[in-house]
């Protein structure tokens, strides 16, 4: 096979395994996420490039997504849309490029935070654990792997 043909085949294969696109998180996105995940448990993790603990959480979430292939994770970056290349790099680095991913896309971030949760004041990381009925428990700070795994197992038993 010619070198050029092989290169073309490899490029086409890479394109077919395209990573999830970063969506714009605007007013109404939170409700859209809840609606699209209705009837099934999922995690909603808010993070930022500037947050050290967030990056630690990304590593853990990447590991858990490999271990639990059906784990439904929604990632929302509180960074600006201009940071999409850096955000995509983090998603790729931690094997989360296929997770549903969003980025804040409103100049008034406080409005988006309030829409996510009126009790959330912007501290990161912030993780919500939604059960199949849509009820959520929130956690601020670095997540604990064992605690998350217990939640995953408990959701599978329901």
C-alpha atoms as a PDB file:
ATOM      1  CA  UNK A   1       0.000   0.000   0.000  1.00  0.00           C
ATOM      2  CA  UNK A   2       1.279   3.430  -0.862  1.00  0.00           C
ATOM      3  CA  UNK A   3       2.275   5.747   1.949  1.00  0.00           C
ATOM      4  CA  UNK A   4      -0.237   8.450   0.882  1.00  0.00           C
ATOM      5  CA  UNK A   5      -3.092   5.946   0.779  1.00  0.00           C
ATOM      6  CA  UNK A   6      -2.222   4.649   4.248  1.00  0.00           C
ATOM      7  CA  UNK A   7      -2.132   8.208   5.584  1.00  0.00           C
ATOM      8  CA  UNK A   8      -5.582   8.911   4.105  1.00  0.00           C
ATOM      9  CA  UNK A   9      -7.044   5.744   5.643  1.00  0.00           C
ATOM     10  CA  UNK A  10      -5.636   6.647   9.062  1.00  0.00           C
ATOM     11  CA  UNK A  11      -7.017  10.206   8.824  1.00  0.00           C
ATOM     12  CA  UNK A  12     -10.477   8.955   7.838  1.00  0.00           C
ATOM     13  CA  UNK A  13     -10.446   6.470  10.718  1.00  0.00           C
ATOM     14  CA  UNK A  14      -9.537   9.234  13.166  1.00  0.00           C
ATOM     15  CA  UNK A  15     -12.332  11.420  11.853  1.00  0.00           C
ATOM     16  CA  UNK A  16     -14.885   8.646  12.366  1.00  0.00           C
ATOM     17  CA  UNK A  17     -13.969   8.447  16.059  1.00  0.00           C
ATOM     18  CA  UNK A  18     -14.598  12.150  16.473  1.00  0.00           C
ATOM     19  CA  UNK A  19     -14.588  13.509  19.990  1.00  0.00           C
ATOM     20  CA  UNK A  20     -17.641  15.087  21.530  1.00  0.00           C
ATOM     21  CA  UNK A  21     -17.965  18.763  20.663  1.00  0.00           C
ATOM     22  CA  UNK A  22     -17.929  21.338  23.445  1.00  0.00           C
ATOM     23  CA  UNK A  23     -21.424  22.811  23.532  1.00  0.00           C
ATOM     24  CA  UNK A  24     -22.235  26.347  24.624  1.00  0.00           C
ATOM     25  CA  UNK A  25     -23.765  26.412  28.104  1.00  0.00           C
ATOM     26  CA  UNK A  26     -26.284  29.244  28.066  1.00  0.00           C
ATOM     27  CA  UNK A  27     -29.591  30.016  29.757  1.00  0.00           C
ATOM     28  CA  UNK A  28     -31.767  26.918  29.488  1.00  0.00           C
ATOM     29  CA  UNK A  29     -28.860  24.472  29.080  1.00  0.00           C
ATOM     30  CA  UNK A  30     -29.235  23.081  32.598  1.00  0.00           C
ATOM     31  CA  UNK A  31     -32.867  22.182  31.928  1.00  0.00           C
ATOM     32  CA  UNK A  32     -31.902  20.708  28.561  1.00  0.00           C
ATOM     33  CA  UNK A  33     -29.325  18.477  30.274  1.00  0.00           C
ATOM     34  CA  UNK A  34     -31.831  17.296  32.873  1.00  0.00           C
ATOM     35  CA  UNK A  35     -34.435  16.584  30.199  1.00  0.00           C
ATOM     36  CA  UNK A  36     -32.041  14.615  28.008  1.00  0.00           C
ATOM     37  CA  UNK A  37     -30.989  12.452  30.967  1.00  0.00           C
ATOM     38  CA  UNK A  38     -34.484  11.960  32.352  1.00  0.00           C
ATOM     39  CA  UNK A  39     -35.021   8.530  33.854  1.00  0.00           C
ATOM     40  CA  UNK A  40     -31.351   7.655  34.257  1.00  0.00           C
ATOM     41  CA  UNK A  41     -28.688   8.539  36.789  1.00  0.00           C
ATOM     42  CA  UNK A  42     -25.857  10.852  35.793  1.00  0.00           C
ATOM     43  CA  UNK A  43     -23.109  13.014  37.213  1.00  0.00           C
ATOM     44  CA  UNK A  44     -22.806  16.711  36.417  1.00  0.00           C
ATOM     45  CA  UNK A  45     -19.281  17.980  37.106  1.00  0.00           C
ATOM     46  CA  UNK A  46     -18.455  21.693  36.951  1.00  0.00           C
ATOM     47  CA  UNK A  47     -14.786  22.508  36.535  1.00  0.00           C
ATOM     48  CA  UNK A  48     -12.240  25.023  35.302  1.00  0.00           C
ATOM     49  CA  UNK A  49      -8.754  25.051  33.830  1.00  0.00           C
ATOM     50  CA  UNK A  50      -7.494  27.183  36.739  1.00  0.00           C
ATOM     51  CA  UNK A  51      -8.750  24.795  39.425  1.00  0.00           C
ATOM     52  CA  UNK A  52      -6.141  22.277  40.615  1.00  0.00           C
ATOM     53  CA  UNK A  53      -8.691  20.049  42.338  1.00  0.00           C
ATOM     54  CA  UNK A  54     -10.816  20.112  39.199  1.00  0.00           C
ATOM     55  CA  UNK A  55      -7.953  18.645  37.186  1.00  0.00           C
ATOM     56  CA  UNK A  56      -7.556  15.927  39.846  1.00  0.00           C
ATOM     57  CA  UNK A  57     -11.277  15.202  39.478  1.00  0.00           C
ATOM     58  CA  UNK A  58     -10.918  14.986  35.704  1.00  0.00           C
ATOM     59  CA  UNK A  59      -8.261  12.296  36.130  1.00  0.00           C
ATOM     60  CA  UNK A  60     -10.537  10.354  38.485  1.00  0.00           C
ATOM     61  CA  UNK A  61     -13.559  10.745  36.206  1.00  0.00           C
ATOM     62  CA  UNK A  62     -11.501   9.499  33.274  1.00  0.00           C
ATOM     63  CA  UNK A  63     -10.514   6.406  35.253  1.00  0.00           C
ATOM     64  CA  UNK A  64     -14.094   5.786  36.374  1.00  0.00           C
ATOM     65  CA  UNK A  65     -15.452   6.207  32.845  1.00  0.00           C
ATOM     66  CA  UNK A  66     -13.100   3.464  31.673  1.00  0.00           C
ATOM     67  CA  UNK A  67     -14.069   1.164  34.545  1.00  0.00           C
ATOM     68  CA  UNK A  68     -17.812   1.856  34.253  1.00  0.00           C
ATOM     69  CA  UNK A  69     -18.462   2.132  30.522  1.00  0.00           C
ATOM     70  CA  UNK A  70     -22.111   3.118  31.030  1.00  0.00           C
ATOM     71  CA  UNK A  71     -21.328   5.873  33.523  1.00  0.00           C
ATOM     72  CA  UNK A  72     -23.124   8.976  32.328  1.00  0.00           C
ATOM     73  CA  UNK A  73     -20.948  12.041  32.983  1.00  0.00           C
ATOM     74  CA  UNK A  74     -21.782  15.584  31.923  1.00  0.00           C
ATOM     75  CA  UNK A  75     -18.895  18.046  32.170  1.00  0.00           C
ATOM     76  CA  UNK A  76     -19.428  21.793  32.323  1.00  0.00           C
ATOM     77  CA  UNK A  77     -16.431  24.094  32.190  1.00  0.00           C
ATOM     78  CA  UNK A  78     -16.898  27.512  33.754  1.00  0.00           C
ATOM     79  CA  UNK A  79     -14.156  28.903  31.505  1.00  0.00           C
ATOM     80  CA  UNK A  80     -14.805  31.135  28.497  1.00  0.00           C
ATOM     81  CA  UNK A  81     -15.507  29.696  25.029  1.00  0.00           C
ATOM     82  CA  UNK A  82     -12.145  31.106  23.861  1.00  0.00           C
ATOM     83  CA  UNK A  83     -10.506  28.374  25.949  1.00  0.00           C
ATOM     84  CA  UNK A  84     -12.015  25.532  23.914  1.00  0.00           C
ATOM     85  CA  UNK A  85      -8.616  24.298  22.610  1.00  0.00           C
ATOM     86  CA  UNK A  86      -7.220  24.015  26.161  1.00  0.00           C
ATOM     87  CA  UNK A  87     -10.451  22.422  27.391  1.00  0.00           C
ATOM     88  CA  UNK A  88     -10.355  19.873  24.582  1.00  0.00           C
ATOM     89  CA  UNK A  89      -6.744  19.105  25.488  1.00  0.00           C
ATOM     90  CA  UNK A  90      -7.719  18.321  29.092  1.00  0.00           C
ATOM     91  CA  UNK A  91     -10.636  16.166  27.946  1.00  0.00           C
ATOM     92  CA  UNK A  92      -8.300  14.250  25.651  1.00  0.00           C
ATOM     93  CA  UNK A  93      -5.545  13.921  28.262  1.00  0.00           C
ATOM     94  CA  UNK A  94      -7.936  12.299  30.737  1.00  0.00           C
ATOM     95  CA  UNK A  95      -9.828  10.204  28.167  1.00  0.00           C
ATOM     96  CA  UNK A  96     -13.030  12.201  28.553  1.00  0.00           C
ATOM     97  CA  UNK A  97     -13.311  13.435  24.985  1.00  0.00           C
ATOM     98  CA  UNK A  98     -16.459  11.355  24.465  1.00  0.00           C
ATOM     99  CA  UNK A  99     -18.228  12.696  27.558  1.00  0.00           C
ATOM    100  CA  UNK A 100     -21.000  15.209  27.045  1.00  0.00           C
ATOM    101  CA  UNK A 101     -19.136  18.498  27.504  1.00  0.00           C
ATOM    102  CA  UNK A 102     -20.217  22.105  27.804  1.00  0.00           C
ATOM    103  CA  UNK A 103     -18.527  25.465  28.352  1.00  0.00           C
ATOM    104  CA  UNK A 104     -20.058  28.592  29.890  1.00  0.00           C
ATOM    105  CA  UNK A 105     -21.000  30.925  27.041  1.00  0.00           C
ATOM    106  CA  UNK A 106     -22.632  33.872  28.752  1.00  0.00           C
ATOM    107  CA  UNK A 107     -20.799  36.984  29.920  1.00  0.00           C
ATOM    108  CA  UNK A 108     -22.968  36.940  33.038  1.00  0.00           C
ATOM    109  CA  UNK A 109     -21.664  33.734  34.671  1.00  0.00           C
ATOM    110  CA  UNK A 110     -23.576  34.401  37.896  1.00  0.00           C
ATOM    111  CA  UNK A 111     -26.845  33.894  36.015  1.00  0.00           C
ATOM    112  CA  UNK A 112     -25.641  30.509  34.749  1.00  0.00           C
ATOM    113  CA  UNK A 113     -24.473  29.470  38.217  1.00  0.00           C
ATOM    114  CA  UNK A 114     -27.840  30.443  39.680  1.00  0.00           C
ATOM    115  CA  UNK A 115     -29.610  28.424  36.989  1.00  0.00           C
ATOM    116  CA  UNK A 116     -27.511  25.365  37.833  1.00  0.00           C
ATOM    117  CA  UNK A 117     -28.210  25.763  41.538  1.00  0.00           C
ATOM    118  CA  UNK A 118     -29.338  28.841  43.496  1.00  0.00           C
ATOM    119  CA  UNK A 119     -27.305  27.503  46.457  1.00  0.00           C
ATOM    120  CA  UNK A 120     -24.068  27.373  44.444  1.00  0.00           C
ATOM    121  CA  UNK A 121     -21.819  30.412  44.701  1.00  0.00           C
ATOM    122  CA  UNK A 122     -19.179  29.393  42.176  1.00  0.00           C
ATOM    123  CA  UNK A 123     -16.799  27.261  44.251  1.00  0.00           C
ATOM    124  CA  UNK A 124     -15.071  24.555  42.206  1.00  0.00           C
ATOM    125  CA  UNK A 125     -15.050  21.710  41.681  1.00  0.00           C
ATOM    126  CA  UNK A 126     -18.790  21.261  42.109  1.00  0.00           C
ATOM    127  CA  UNK A 127     -20.385  17.892  41.374  1.00  0.00           C
ATOM    128  CA  UNK A 128     -24.032  16.873  41.278  1.00  0.00           C
ATOM    129  CA  UNK A 129     -25.145  13.265  41.514  1.00  0.00           C
ATOM    130  CA  UNK A 130     -28.554  12.852  39.861  1.00  0.00           C
ATOM    131  CA  UNK A 131     -30.526   9.679  40.454  1.00  0.00           C
ATOM    132  CA  UNK A 132     -32.984   8.238  37.933  1.00  0.00           C
ATOM    133  CA  UNK A 133     -35.846  10.303  39.425  1.00  0.00           C
ATOM    134  CA  UNK A 134     -33.949  13.556  38.799  1.00  0.00           C
ATOM    135  CA  UNK A 135     -33.146  14.187  42.462  1.00  0.00           C
ATOM    136  CA  UNK A 136     -29.639  15.538  42.954  1.00  0.00           C
ATOM    137  CA  UNK A 137     -27.145  15.704  45.750  1.00  0.00           C
ATOM    138  CA  UNK A 138     -24.411  18.313  45.454  1.00  0.00           C
ATOM    139  CA  UNK A 139     -20.822  18.251  46.560  1.00  0.00           C
ATOM    140  CA  UNK A 140     -18.292  21.068  46.544  1.00  0.00           C
ATOM    141  CA  UNK A 141     -14.607  20.226  46.559  1.00  0.00           C
ATOM    142  CA  UNK A 142     -12.538  17.342  45.346  1.00  0.00           C
ATOM    143  CA  UNK A 143     -14.538  14.157  44.866  1.00  0.00           C
ATOM    144  CA  UNK A 144     -13.656  10.914  46.613  1.00  0.00           C
ATOM    145  CA  UNK A 145     -13.278   7.933  44.280  1.00  0.00           C
ATOM    146  CA  UNK A 146     -14.624   5.366  46.744  1.00  0.00           C
ATOM    147  CA  UNK A 147     -17.654   7.539  47.490  1.00  0.00           C
ATOM    148  CA  UNK A 148     -18.391   7.977  43.783  1.00  0.00           C
ATOM    149  CA  UNK A 149     -18.075   4.230  43.192  1.00  0.00           C
ATOM    150  CA  UNK A 150     -20.551   3.554  46.012  1.00  0.00           C
ATOM    151  CA  UNK A 151     -22.956   5.984  44.327  1.00  0.00           C
ATOM    152  CA  UNK A 152     -22.480   4.237  40.968  1.00  0.00           C
ATOM    153  CA  UNK A 153     -23.172   0.813  42.516  1.00  0.00           C
ATOM    154  CA  UNK A 154     -26.223   2.140  44.406  1.00  0.00           C
ATOM    155  CA  UNK A 155     -27.681   3.544  41.181  1.00  0.00           C
ATOM    156  CA  UNK A 156     -27.286   0.214  39.396  1.00  0.00           C
ATOM    157  CA  UNK A 157     -29.283  -1.558  42.112  1.00  0.00           C
ATOM    158  CA  UNK A 158     -32.332   0.683  41.591  1.00  0.00           C
END
